[in-house]
Amino acid sequence: MYVGDYCEYSKPLLVVERKASWLEFAGNCGQNHARFKAELERLNAIGGRMVILIEELTPVENWQHRRSQMSGVVMKKIIDRWKEEYNLELVQCTKNESGKKILEILGEQ
């Protein structure tokens, strides 16, 4: 896909980017920041909207992980800045709910 992991072909400007955890998303805020921001810029350039689906219910500002130098507080600041700059929304759910949530976001249910 041009941007994101999922979209409905009748609504190609709405994409869902699924992240299995805050740890996976921390990589997008840290080491892969430039690549992920370029995706957001490409989508923004064509008038699209991205929903980032995090399969974890921990509030971002409370998140921390021994395998990451990124803190939840810093990720929250990055998310807030990206929400201001791009048409971005963040949704959290459990892993068991993610398939249903993707369909809801894309308007299938």
PDB file of N, CA and C in Angstrom:
ATOM      1  N   MET A   1       0.826  -1.175   0.000  1.00  0.00           N
ATOM      2  CA  MET A   1       0.000   0.000   0.000  1.00  0.00           C
ATOM      3  C   MET A   1       0.875   1.244   0.000  1.00  0.00           C
ATOM      4  N   TYR A   2       0.335   2.301  -0.527  1.00  0.00           N
ATOM      5  CA  TYR A   2       1.013   3.599  -0.587  1.00  0.00           C
ATOM      6  C   TYR A   2       1.337   4.109   0.815  1.00  0.00           C
ATOM      7  N   VAL A   3       0.354   3.972   1.714  1.00  0.00           N
ATOM      8  CA  VAL A   3       0.479   4.394   3.108  1.00  0.00           C
ATOM      9  C   VAL A   3      -0.428   3.494   3.941  1.00  0.00           C
ATOM     10  N   GLY A   4       0.003   3.134   5.142  1.00  0.00           N
ATOM     11  CA  GLY A   4      -0.839   2.386   6.072  1.00  0.00           C
ATOM     12  C   GLY A   4      -0.885   0.900   5.797  1.00  0.00           C
ATOM     13  N   ASP A   5      -1.660   0.200   6.624  1.00  0.00           N
ATOM     14  CA  ASP A   5      -1.797  -1.256   6.522  1.00  0.00           C
ATOM     15  C   ASP A   5      -3.125  -1.686   5.901  1.00  0.00           C
ATOM     16  N   TYR A   6      -4.195  -0.922   6.157  1.00  0.00           N
ATOM     17  CA  TYR A   6      -5.527  -1.304   5.697  1.00  0.00           C
ATOM     18  C   TYR A   6      -6.265  -0.089   5.144  1.00  0.00           C
ATOM     19  N   CYS A   7      -7.077  -0.334   4.132  1.00  0.00           N
ATOM     20  CA  CYS A   7      -7.996   0.689   3.647  1.00  0.00           C
ATOM     21  C   CYS A   7      -9.154  -0.005   2.951  1.00  0.00           C
ATOM     22  N   GLU A   8     -10.233   0.727   2.771  1.00  0.00           N
ATOM     23  CA  GLU A   8     -11.378   0.261   2.000  1.00  0.00           C
ATOM     24  C   GLU A   8     -11.212   0.879   0.626  1.00  0.00           C
ATOM     25  N   TYR A   9     -11.171   0.075  -0.408  1.00  0.00           N
ATOM     26  CA  TYR A   9     -10.875   0.598  -1.736  1.00  0.00           C
ATOM     27  C   TYR A   9     -11.869   1.643  -2.222  1.00  0.00           C
ATOM     28  N   SER A  10     -13.080   1.618  -1.675  1.00  0.00           N
ATOM     29  CA  SER A  10     -14.033   2.668  -2.059  1.00  0.00           C
ATOM     30  C   SER A  10     -13.764   3.976  -1.311  1.00  0.00           C
ATOM     31  N   LYS A  11     -12.902   3.917  -0.267  1.00  0.00           N
ATOM     32  CA  LYS A  11     -12.511   5.101   0.507  1.00  0.00           C
ATOM     33  C   LYS A  11     -10.996   5.094   0.692  1.00  0.00           C
ATOM     34  N   PRO A  12     -10.244   5.214  -0.381  1.00  0.00           N
ATOM     35  CA  PRO A  12      -8.790   5.049  -0.280  1.00  0.00           C
ATOM     36  C   PRO A  12      -8.063   6.122   0.514  1.00  0.00           C
ATOM     37  N   LEU A  13      -8.726   7.213   0.838  1.00  0.00           N
ATOM     38  CA  LEU A  13      -8.058   8.270   1.601  1.00  0.00           C
ATOM     39  C   LEU A  13      -8.164   8.075   3.109  1.00  0.00           C
ATOM     40  N   LEU A  14      -8.803   7.000   3.538  1.00  0.00           N
ATOM     41  CA  LEU A  14      -8.859   6.627   4.948  1.00  0.00           C
ATOM     42  C   LEU A  14      -8.048   5.354   5.123  1.00  0.00           C
ATOM     43  N   VAL A  15      -6.972   5.433   5.889  1.00  0.00           N
ATOM     44  CA  VAL A  15      -6.122   4.256   6.092  1.00  0.00           C
ATOM     45  C   VAL A  15      -5.971   3.969   7.577  1.00  0.00           C
ATOM     46  N   VAL A  16      -5.780   2.698   7.872  1.00  0.00           N
ATOM     47  CA  VAL A  16      -5.519   2.248   9.238  1.00  0.00           C
ATOM     48  C   VAL A  16      -4.097   1.714   9.288  1.00  0.00           C
ATOM     49  N   GLU A  17      -3.350   2.203  10.235  1.00  0.00           N
ATOM     50  CA  GLU A  17      -1.994   1.724  10.507  1.00  0.00           C
ATOM     51  C   GLU A  17      -2.066   0.960  11.819  1.00  0.00           C
ATOM     52  N   ARG A  18      -1.916  -0.362  11.760  1.00  0.00           N
ATOM     53  CA  ARG A  18      -2.049  -1.203  12.953  1.00  0.00           C
ATOM     54  C   ARG A  18      -0.690  -1.387  13.612  1.00  0.00           C
ATOM     55  N   LYS A  19      -0.655  -1.194  14.927  1.00  0.00           N
ATOM     56  CA  LYS A  19       0.547  -1.413  15.721  1.00  0.00           C
ATOM     57  C   LYS A  19       0.202  -2.403  16.823  1.00  0.00           C
ATOM     58  N   ALA A  20       1.007  -3.444  16.957  1.00  0.00           N
ATOM     59  CA  ALA A  20       0.746  -4.505  17.921  1.00  0.00           C
ATOM     60  C   ALA A  20       0.945  -4.053  19.364  1.00  0.00           C
ATOM     61  N   SER A  21       1.662  -2.960  19.554  1.00  0.00           N
ATOM     62  CA  SER A  21       1.940  -2.489  20.916  1.00  0.00           C
ATOM     63  C   SER A  21       2.536  -1.090  20.859  1.00  0.00           C
ATOM     64  N   TRP A  22       2.636  -0.466  22.046  1.00  0.00           N
ATOM     65  CA  TRP A  22       3.327   0.812  22.126  1.00  0.00           C
ATOM     66  C   TRP A  22       4.798   0.642  21.787  1.00  0.00           C
ATOM     67  N   LEU A  23       5.367  -0.522  22.082  1.00  0.00           N
ATOM     68  CA  LEU A  23       6.769  -0.759  21.755  1.00  0.00           C
ATOM     69  C   LEU A  23       6.982  -0.667  20.245  1.00  0.00           C
ATOM     70  N   GLU A  24       6.100  -1.263  19.468  1.00  0.00           N
ATOM     71  CA  GLU A  24       6.211  -1.159  18.009  1.00  0.00           C
ATOM     72  C   GLU A  24       6.069   0.295  17.560  1.00  0.00           C
ATOM     73  N   PHE A  25       5.114   1.010  18.142  1.00  0.00           N
ATOM     74  CA  PHE A  25       4.927   2.406  17.766  1.00  0.00           C
ATOM     75  C   PHE A  25       6.112   3.265  18.193  1.00  0.00           C
ATOM     76  N   ALA A  26       6.765   2.904  19.294  1.00  0.00           N
ATOM     77  CA  ALA A  26       7.950   3.650  19.756  1.00  0.00           C
ATOM     78  C   ALA A  26       9.015   3.693  18.669  1.00  0.00           C
ATOM     79  N   GLY A  27       9.134   2.628  17.886  1.00  0.00           N
ATOM     80  CA  GLY A  27      10.075   2.616  16.766  1.00  0.00           C
ATOM     81  C   GLY A  27       9.730   3.664  15.720  1.00  0.00           C
ATOM     82  N   ASN A  28       8.427   3.894  15.504  1.00  0.00           N
ATOM     83  CA  ASN A  28       8.001   4.927  14.554  1.00  0.00           C
ATOM     84  C   ASN A  28       8.271   6.336  15.078  1.00  0.00           C
ATOM     85  N   CYS A  29       8.297   6.482  16.376  1.00  0.00           N
ATOM     86  CA  CYS A  29       8.580   7.787  16.978  1.00  0.00           C
ATOM     87  C   CYS A  29      10.081   8.020  17.131  1.00  0.00           C
ATOM     88  N   GLY A  30      10.854   6.952  17.136  1.00  0.00           N
ATOM     89  CA  GLY A  30      12.291   7.046  17.352  1.00  0.00           C
ATOM     90  C   GLY A  30      13.094   6.748  16.105  1.00  0.00           C
ATOM     91  N   GLN A  31      13.616   5.528  16.018  1.00  0.00           N
ATOM     92  CA  GLN A  31      14.541   5.169  14.939  1.00  0.00           C
ATOM     93  C   GLN A  31      13.933   5.248  13.547  1.00  0.00           C
ATOM     94  N   ASN A  32      12.624   5.040  13.414  1.00  0.00           N
ATOM     95  CA  ASN A  32      11.961   5.108  12.098  1.00  0.00           C
ATOM     96  C   ASN A  32      11.151   6.386  11.931  1.00  0.00           C
ATOM     97  N   HIS A  33      11.461   7.397  12.719  1.00  0.00           N
ATOM     98  CA  HIS A  33      10.697   8.653  12.730  1.00  0.00           C
ATOM     99  C   HIS A  33      10.601   9.277  11.330  1.00  0.00           C
ATOM    100  N   ALA A  34      11.726   9.398  10.645  1.00  0.00           N
ATOM    101  CA  ALA A  34      11.740  10.054   9.328  1.00  0.00           C
ATOM    102  C   ALA A  34      10.884   9.286   8.316  1.00  0.00           C
ATOM    103  N   ARG A  35      10.976   7.954   8.321  1.00  0.00           N
ATOM    104  CA  ARG A  35      10.200   7.138   7.381  1.00  0.00           C
ATOM    105  C   ARG A  35       8.710   7.260   7.664  1.00  0.00           C
ATOM    106  N   PHE A  36       8.331   7.183   8.947  1.00  0.00           N
ATOM    107  CA  PHE A  36       6.912   7.248   9.289  1.00  0.00           C
ATOM    108  C   PHE A  36       6.352   8.641   9.023  1.00  0.00           C
ATOM    109  N   LYS A  37       7.113   9.665   9.338  1.00  0.00           N
ATOM    110  CA  LYS A  37       6.653  11.032   9.085  1.00  0.00           C
ATOM    111  C   LYS A  37       6.488  11.264   7.578  1.00  0.00           C
ATOM    112  N   ALA A  38       7.361  10.661   6.766  1.00  0.00           N
ATOM    113  CA  ALA A  38       7.227  10.770   5.307  1.00  0.00           C
ATOM    114  C   ALA A  38       5.917  10.132   4.843  1.00  0.00           C
ATOM    115  N   GLU A  39       5.498   9.029   5.471  1.00  0.00           N
ATOM    116  CA  GLU A  39       4.208   8.417   5.145  1.00  0.00           C
ATOM    117  C   GLU A  39       3.070   9.383   5.453  1.00  0.00           C
ATOM    118  N   LEU A  40       3.143  10.003   6.633  1.00  0.00           N
ATOM    119  CA  LEU A  40       2.110  10.967   7.015  1.00  0.00           C
ATOM    120  C   LEU A  40       2.062  12.140   6.039  1.00  0.00           C
ATOM    121  N   GLU A  41       3.216  12.602   5.608  1.00  0.00           N
ATOM    122  CA  GLU A  41       3.272  13.720   4.659  1.00  0.00           C
ATOM    123  C   GLU A  41       2.703  13.329   3.300  1.00  0.00           C
ATOM    124  N   ARG A  42       2.995  12.094   2.838  1.00  0.00           N
ATOM    125  CA  ARG A  42       2.425  11.632   1.557  1.00  0.00           C
ATOM    126  C   ARG A  42       0.903  11.582   1.640  1.00  0.00           C
ATOM    127  N   LEU A  43       0.397  11.047   2.742  1.00  0.00           N
ATOM    128  CA  LEU A  43      -1.051  10.949   2.903  1.00  0.00           C
ATOM    129  C   LEU A  43      -1.676  12.335   3.020  1.00  0.00           C
ATOM    130  N   ASN A  44      -1.036  13.210   3.751  1.00  0.00           N
ATOM    131  CA  ASN A  44      -1.530  14.577   3.914  1.00  0.00           C
ATOM    132  C   ASN A  44      -1.577  15.305   2.571  1.00  0.00           C
ATOM    133  N   ALA A  45      -0.596  15.063   1.722  1.00  0.00           N
ATOM    134  CA  ALA A  45      -0.508  15.731   0.419  1.00  0.00           C
ATOM    135  C   ALA A  45      -1.691  15.383  -0.493  1.00  0.00           C
ATOM    136  N   ILE A  46      -2.285  14.212  -0.291  1.00  0.00           N
ATOM    137  CA  ILE A  46      -3.423  13.816  -1.131  1.00  0.00           C
ATOM    138  C   ILE A  46      -4.759  13.964  -0.391  1.00  0.00           C
ATOM    139  N   GLY A  47      -4.717  14.587   0.803  1.00  0.00           N
ATOM    140  CA  GLY A  47      -5.953  14.838   1.551  1.00  0.00           C
ATOM    141  C   GLY A  47      -6.470  13.647   2.323  1.00  0.00           C
ATOM    142  N   GLY A  48      -5.585  12.727   2.664  1.00  0.00           N
ATOM    143  CA  GLY A  48      -5.997  11.518   3.374  1.00  0.00           C
ATOM    144  C   GLY A  48      -5.998  11.662   4.877  1.00  0.00           C
ATOM    145  N   ARG A  49      -6.501  10.619   5.521  1.00  0.00           N
ATOM    146  CA  ARG A  49      -6.579  10.562   6.982  1.00  0.00           C
ATOM    147  C   ARG A  49      -6.075   9.214   7.447  1.00  0.00           C
ATOM    148  N   MET A  50      -5.289   9.209   8.517  1.00  0.00           N
ATOM    149  CA  MET A  50      -4.767   7.968   9.073  1.00  0.00           C
ATOM    150  C   MET A  50      -5.298   7.765  10.484  1.00  0.00           C
ATOM    151  N   VAL A  51      -5.711   6.523  10.737  1.00  0.00           N
ATOM    152  CA  VAL A  51      -6.057   6.098  12.087  1.00  0.00           C
ATOM    153  C   VAL A  51      -4.991   5.102  12.509  1.00  0.00           C
ATOM    154  N   ILE A  52      -4.293   5.415  13.595  1.00  0.00           N
ATOM    155  CA  ILE A  52      -3.298   4.485  14.131  1.00  0.00           C
ATOM    156  C   ILE A  52      -3.997   3.664  15.194  1.00  0.00           C
ATOM    157  N   LEU A  53      -4.028   2.358  14.994  1.00  0.00           N
ATOM    158  CA  LEU A  53      -4.684   1.436  15.912  1.00  0.00           C
ATOM    159  C   LEU A  53      -3.610   0.751  16.748  1.00  0.00           C
ATOM    160  N   ILE A  54      -3.596   1.032  18.042  1.00  0.00           N
ATOM    161  CA  ILE A  54      -2.630   0.446  18.966  1.00  0.00           C
ATOM    162  C   ILE A  54      -3.322  -0.676  19.715  1.00  0.00           C
ATOM    163  N   GLU A  55      -2.781  -1.884  19.600  1.00  0.00           N
ATOM    164  CA  GLU A  55      -3.368  -3.047  20.266  1.00  0.00           C
ATOM    165  C   GLU A  55      -2.824  -3.165  21.697  1.00  0.00           C
ATOM    166  N   GLU A  56      -3.058  -2.127  22.464  1.00  0.00           N
ATOM    167  CA  GLU A  56      -2.647  -2.087  23.869  1.00  0.00           C
ATOM    168  C   GLU A  56      -3.476  -1.001  24.538  1.00  0.00           C
ATOM    169  N   LEU A  57      -3.929  -1.263  25.756  1.00  0.00           N
ATOM    170  CA  LEU A  57      -4.815  -0.322  26.430  1.00  0.00           C
ATOM    171  C   LEU A  57      -4.109   0.599  27.412  1.00  0.00           C
ATOM    172  N   THR A  58      -2.834   0.408  27.655  1.00  0.00           N
ATOM    173  CA  THR A  58      -2.083   1.284  28.552  1.00  0.00           C
ATOM    174  C   THR A  58      -2.123   2.710  28.018  1.00  0.00           C
ATOM    175  N   PRO A  59      -2.472   3.682  28.854  1.00  0.00           N
ATOM    176  CA  PRO A  59      -2.392   5.073  28.386  1.00  0.00           C
ATOM    177  C   PRO A  59      -0.955   5.402  27.986  1.00  0.00           C
ATOM    178  N   VAL A  60      -0.781   6.065  26.862  1.00  0.00           N
ATOM    179  CA  VAL A  60       0.560   6.293  26.319  1.00  0.00           C
ATOM    180  C   VAL A  60       1.464   6.993  27.320  1.00  0.00           C
ATOM    181  N   GLU A  61       0.944   7.969  28.049  1.00  0.00           N
ATOM    182  CA  GLU A  61       1.803   8.716  28.967  1.00  0.00           C
ATOM    183  C   GLU A  61       2.306   7.851  30.128  1.00  0.00           C
ATOM    184  N   ASN A  62       1.663   6.703  30.373  1.00  0.00           N
ATOM    185  CA  ASN A  62       2.093   5.779  31.428  1.00  0.00           C
ATOM    186  C   ASN A  62       2.993   4.667  30.912  1.00  0.00           C
ATOM    187  N   TRP A  63       3.208   4.606  29.604  1.00  0.00           N
ATOM    188  CA  TRP A  63       3.950   3.501  29.013  1.00  0.00           C
ATOM    189  C   TRP A  63       5.457   3.641  29.225  1.00  0.00           C
ATOM    190  N   GLN A  64       6.077   2.516  29.490  1.00  0.00           N
ATOM    191  CA  GLN A  64       7.538   2.417  29.496  1.00  0.00           C
ATOM    192  C   GLN A  64       7.895   0.960  29.237  1.00  0.00           C
ATOM    193  N   HIS A  65       9.064   0.755  28.691  1.00  0.00           N
ATOM    194  CA  HIS A  65       9.494  -0.607  28.372  1.00  0.00           C
ATOM    195  C   HIS A  65      11.004  -0.681  28.500  1.00  0.00           C
ATOM    196  N   ARG A  66      11.485  -1.756  29.061  1.00  0.00           N
ATOM    197  CA  ARG A  66      12.931  -1.908  29.275  1.00  0.00           C
ATOM    198  C   ARG A  66      13.716  -1.984  27.970  1.00  0.00           C
ATOM    199  N   ARG A  67      13.070  -2.358  26.873  1.00  0.00           N
ATOM    200  CA  ARG A  67      13.757  -2.481  25.586  1.00  0.00           C
ATOM    201  C   ARG A  67      13.721  -1.203  24.754  1.00  0.00           C
ATOM    202  N   SER A  68      13.188  -0.134  25.315  1.00  0.00           N
ATOM    203  CA  SER A  68      13.077   1.109  24.562  1.00  0.00           C
ATOM    204  C   SER A  68      13.564   2.284  25.398  1.00  0.00           C
ATOM    205  N   GLN A  69      14.309   3.163  24.755  1.00  0.00           N
ATOM    206  CA  GLN A  69      14.709   4.398  25.408  1.00  0.00           C
ATOM    207  C   GLN A  69      13.618   5.463  25.289  1.00  0.00           C
ATOM    208  N   MET A  70      12.644   5.209  24.447  1.00  0.00           N
ATOM    209  CA  MET A  70      11.524   6.134  24.252  1.00  0.00           C
ATOM    210  C   MET A  70      10.589   6.030  25.457  1.00  0.00           C
ATOM    211  N   SER A  71      10.153   7.157  25.966  1.00  0.00           N
ATOM    212  CA  SER A  71       9.194   7.138  27.065  1.00  0.00           C
ATOM    213  C   SER A  71       7.794   7.434  26.533  1.00  0.00           C
ATOM    214  N   GLY A  72       6.805   7.034  27.287  1.00  0.00           N
ATOM    215  CA  GLY A  72       5.428   7.312  26.901  1.00  0.00           C
ATOM    216  C   GLY A  72       5.125   8.803  26.878  1.00  0.00           C
ATOM    217  N   VAL A  73       5.743   9.548  27.776  1.00  0.00           N
ATOM    218  CA  VAL A  73       5.532  10.997  27.820  1.00  0.00           C
ATOM    219  C   VAL A  73       6.028  11.643  26.524  1.00  0.00           C
ATOM    220  N   VAL A  74       7.191  11.228  26.046  1.00  0.00           N
ATOM    221  CA  VAL A  74       7.734  11.763  24.793  1.00  0.00           C
ATOM    222  C   VAL A  74       6.861  11.329  23.617  1.00  0.00           C
ATOM    223  N   MET A  75       6.429  10.057  23.607  1.00  0.00           N
ATOM    224  CA  MET A  75       5.552   9.596  22.520  1.00  0.00           C
ATOM    225  C   MET A  75       4.267  10.403  22.492  1.00  0.00           C
ATOM    226  N   LYS A  76       3.710  10.720  23.658  1.00  0.00           N
ATOM    227  CA  LYS A  76       2.476  11.526  23.701  1.00  0.00           C
ATOM    228  C   LYS A  76       2.705  12.881  23.055  1.00  0.00           C
ATOM    229  N   LYS A  77       3.848  13.499  23.310  1.00  0.00           N
ATOM    230  CA  LYS A  77       4.154  14.793  22.696  1.00  0.00           C
ATOM    231  C   LYS A  77       4.257  14.670  21.183  1.00  0.00           C
ATOM    232  N   ILE A  78       4.894  13.598  20.723  1.00  0.00           N
ATOM    233  CA  ILE A  78       5.025  13.367  19.278  1.00  0.00           C
ATOM    234  C   ILE A  78       3.645  13.150  18.661  1.00  0.00           C
ATOM    235  N   ILE A  79       2.834  12.313  19.289  1.00  0.00           N
ATOM    236  CA  ILE A  79       1.480  12.054  18.790  1.00  0.00           C
ATOM    237  C   ILE A  79       0.675  13.348  18.716  1.00  0.00           C
ATOM    238  N   ASP A  80       0.728  14.140  19.784  1.00  0.00           N
ATOM    239  CA  ASP A  80      -0.021  15.404  19.804  1.00  0.00           C
ATOM    240  C   ASP A  80       0.437  16.337  18.688  1.00  0.00           C
ATOM    241  N   ARG A  81       1.736  16.405  18.441  1.00  0.00           N
ATOM    242  CA  ARG A  81       2.250  17.257  17.363  1.00  0.00           C
ATOM    243  C   ARG A  81       1.785  16.731  16.002  1.00  0.00           C
ATOM    244  N   TRP A  82       1.857  15.411  15.803  1.00  0.00           N
ATOM    245  CA  TRP A  82       1.411  14.833  14.537  1.00  0.00           C
ATOM    246  C   TRP A  82      -0.087  15.049  14.341  1.00  0.00           C
ATOM    247  N   LYS A  83      -0.875  15.002  15.406  1.00  0.00           N
ATOM    248  CA  LYS A  83      -2.317  15.258  15.285  1.00  0.00           C
ATOM    249  C   LYS A  83      -2.574  16.679  14.811  1.00  0.00           C
ATOM    250  N   GLU A  84      -1.750  17.619  15.249  1.00  0.00           N
ATOM    251  CA  GLU A  84      -1.894  19.010  14.812  1.00  0.00           C
ATOM    252  C   GLU A  84      -1.484  19.198  13.359  1.00  0.00           C
ATOM    253  N   GLU A  85      -0.440  18.496  12.936  1.00  0.00           N
ATOM    254  CA  GLU A  85       0.121  18.680  11.593  1.00  0.00           C
ATOM    255  C   GLU A  85      -0.586  17.859  10.521  1.00  0.00           C
ATOM    256  N   TYR A  86      -1.094  16.705  10.900  1.00  0.00           N
ATOM    257  CA  TYR A  86      -1.662  15.764   9.928  1.00  0.00           C
ATOM    258  C   TYR A  86      -3.065  15.364  10.362  1.00  0.00           C
ATOM    259  N   ASN A  87      -3.824  14.806   9.447  1.00  0.00           N
ATOM    260  CA  ASN A  87      -5.161  14.315   9.751  1.00  0.00           C
ATOM    261  C   ASN A  87      -5.010  12.917  10.345  1.00  0.00           C
ATOM    262  N   LEU A  88      -4.749  12.899  11.651  1.00  0.00           N
ATOM    263  CA  LEU A  88      -4.358  11.673  12.344  1.00  0.00           C
ATOM    264  C   LEU A  88      -5.237  11.460  13.566  1.00  0.00           C
ATOM    265  N   GLU A  89      -5.598  10.216  13.781  1.00  0.00           N
ATOM    266  CA  GLU A  89      -6.364   9.836  14.964  1.00  0.00           C
ATOM    267  C   GLU A  89      -5.707   8.608  15.567  1.00  0.00           C
ATOM    268  N   LEU A  90      -5.768   8.471  16.876  1.00  0.00           N
ATOM    269  CA  LEU A  90      -5.205   7.321  17.573  1.00  0.00           C
ATOM    270  C   LEU A  90      -6.342   6.571  18.254  1.00  0.00           C
ATOM    271  N   VAL A  91      -6.399   5.254  18.055  1.00  0.00           N
ATOM    272  CA  VAL A  91      -7.427   4.407  18.662  1.00  0.00           C
ATOM    273  C   VAL A  91      -6.710   3.248  19.341  1.00  0.00           C
ATOM    274  N   GLN A  92      -7.158   2.898  20.536  1.00  0.00           N
ATOM    275  CA  GLN A  92      -6.585   1.765  21.252  1.00  0.00           C
ATOM    276  C   GLN A  92      -7.631   0.676  21.423  1.00  0.00           C
ATOM    277  N   CYS A  93      -7.174  -0.571  21.425  1.00  0.00           N
ATOM    278  CA  CYS A  93      -8.056  -1.706  21.656  1.00  0.00           C
ATOM    279  C   CYS A  93      -7.204  -2.897  22.089  1.00  0.00           C
ATOM    280  N   THR A  94      -7.858  -3.988  22.429  1.00  0.00           N
ATOM    281  CA  THR A  94      -7.123  -5.217  22.733  1.00  0.00           C
ATOM    282  C   THR A  94      -6.809  -5.935  21.421  1.00  0.00           C
ATOM    283  N   LYS A  95      -5.891  -6.883  21.488  1.00  0.00           N
ATOM    284  CA  LYS A  95      -5.552  -7.659  20.290  1.00  0.00           C
ATOM    285  C   LYS A  95      -6.770  -8.415  19.758  1.00  0.00           C
ATOM    286  N   ASN A  96      -7.611  -8.923  20.653  1.00  0.00           N
ATOM    287  CA  ASN A  96      -8.809  -9.661  20.241  1.00  0.00           C
ATOM    288  C   ASN A  96      -9.830  -8.781  19.533  1.00  0.00           C
ATOM    289  N   GLU A  97      -9.828  -7.494  19.823  1.00  0.00           N
ATOM    290  CA  GLU A  97     -10.794  -6.574  19.229  1.00  0.00           C
ATOM    291  C   GLU A  97     -10.312  -5.928  17.937  1.00  0.00           C
ATOM    292  N   SER A  98      -9.053  -6.117  17.577  1.00  0.00           N
ATOM    293  CA  SER A  98      -8.475  -5.316  16.490  1.00  0.00           C
ATOM    294  C   SER A  98      -9.145  -5.540  15.139  1.00  0.00           C
ATOM    295  N   GLY A  99      -9.466  -6.762  14.779  1.00  0.00           N
ATOM    296  CA  GLY A  99     -10.119  -7.009  13.491  1.00  0.00           C
ATOM    297  C   GLY A  99     -11.454  -6.287  13.389  1.00  0.00           C
ATOM    298  N   LYS A 100     -12.261  -6.417  14.428  1.00  0.00           N
ATOM    299  CA  LYS A 100     -13.561  -5.746  14.469  1.00  0.00           C
ATOM    300  C   LYS A 100     -13.385  -4.233  14.436  1.00  0.00           C
ATOM    301  N   LYS A 101     -12.400  -3.738  15.169  1.00  0.00           N
ATOM    302  CA  LYS A 101     -12.159  -2.291  15.240  1.00  0.00           C
ATOM    303  C   LYS A 101     -11.727  -1.753  13.871  1.00  0.00           C
ATOM    304  N   ILE A 102     -10.894  -2.493  13.149  1.00  0.00           N
ATOM    305  CA  ILE A 102     -10.473  -2.074  11.803  1.00  0.00           C
ATOM    306  C   ILE A 102     -11.692  -1.957  10.890  1.00  0.00           C
ATOM    307  N   LEU A 103     -12.569  -2.953  10.945  1.00  0.00           N
ATOM    308  CA  LEU A 103     -13.787  -2.905  10.126  1.00  0.00           C
ATOM    309  C   LEU A 103     -14.676  -1.734  10.515  1.00  0.00           C
ATOM    310  N   GLU A 104     -14.785  -1.455  11.813  1.00  0.00           N
ATOM    311  CA  GLU A 104     -15.584  -0.306  12.265  1.00  0.00           C
ATOM    312  C   GLU A 104     -14.995   0.994  11.737  1.00  0.00           C
ATOM    313  N   ILE A 105     -13.696   1.138  11.848  1.00  0.00           N
ATOM    314  CA  ILE A 105     -13.042   2.355  11.383  1.00  0.00           C
ATOM    315  C   ILE A 105     -13.263   2.569   9.899  1.00  0.00           C
ATOM    316  N   LEU A 106     -13.156   1.508   9.148  1.00  0.00           N
ATOM    317  CA  LEU A 106     -13.298   1.608   7.692  1.00  0.00           C
ATOM    318  C   LEU A 106     -14.762   1.620   7.245  1.00  0.00           C
ATOM    319  N   GLY A 107     -15.690   1.536   8.211  1.00  0.00           N
ATOM    320  CA  GLY A 107     -17.107   1.681   7.891  1.00  0.00           C
ATOM    321  C   GLY A 107     -17.788   0.445   7.397  1.00  0.00           C
ATOM    322  N   GLU A 108     -17.259  -0.718   7.713  1.00  0.00           N
ATOM    323  CA  GLU A 108     -17.858  -1.951   7.238  1.00  0.00           C
ATOM    324  C   GLU A 108     -18.953  -2.478   8.157  1.00  0.00           C
ATOM    325  N   GLN A 109     -18.973  -2.028   9.403  1.00  0.00           N
ATOM    326  CA  GLN A 109     -19.994  -2.533  10.341  1.00  0.00           C
ATOM    327  C   GLN A 109     -20.732  -1.386  10.979  1.00  0.00           C
TER     328      GLN A 109
END
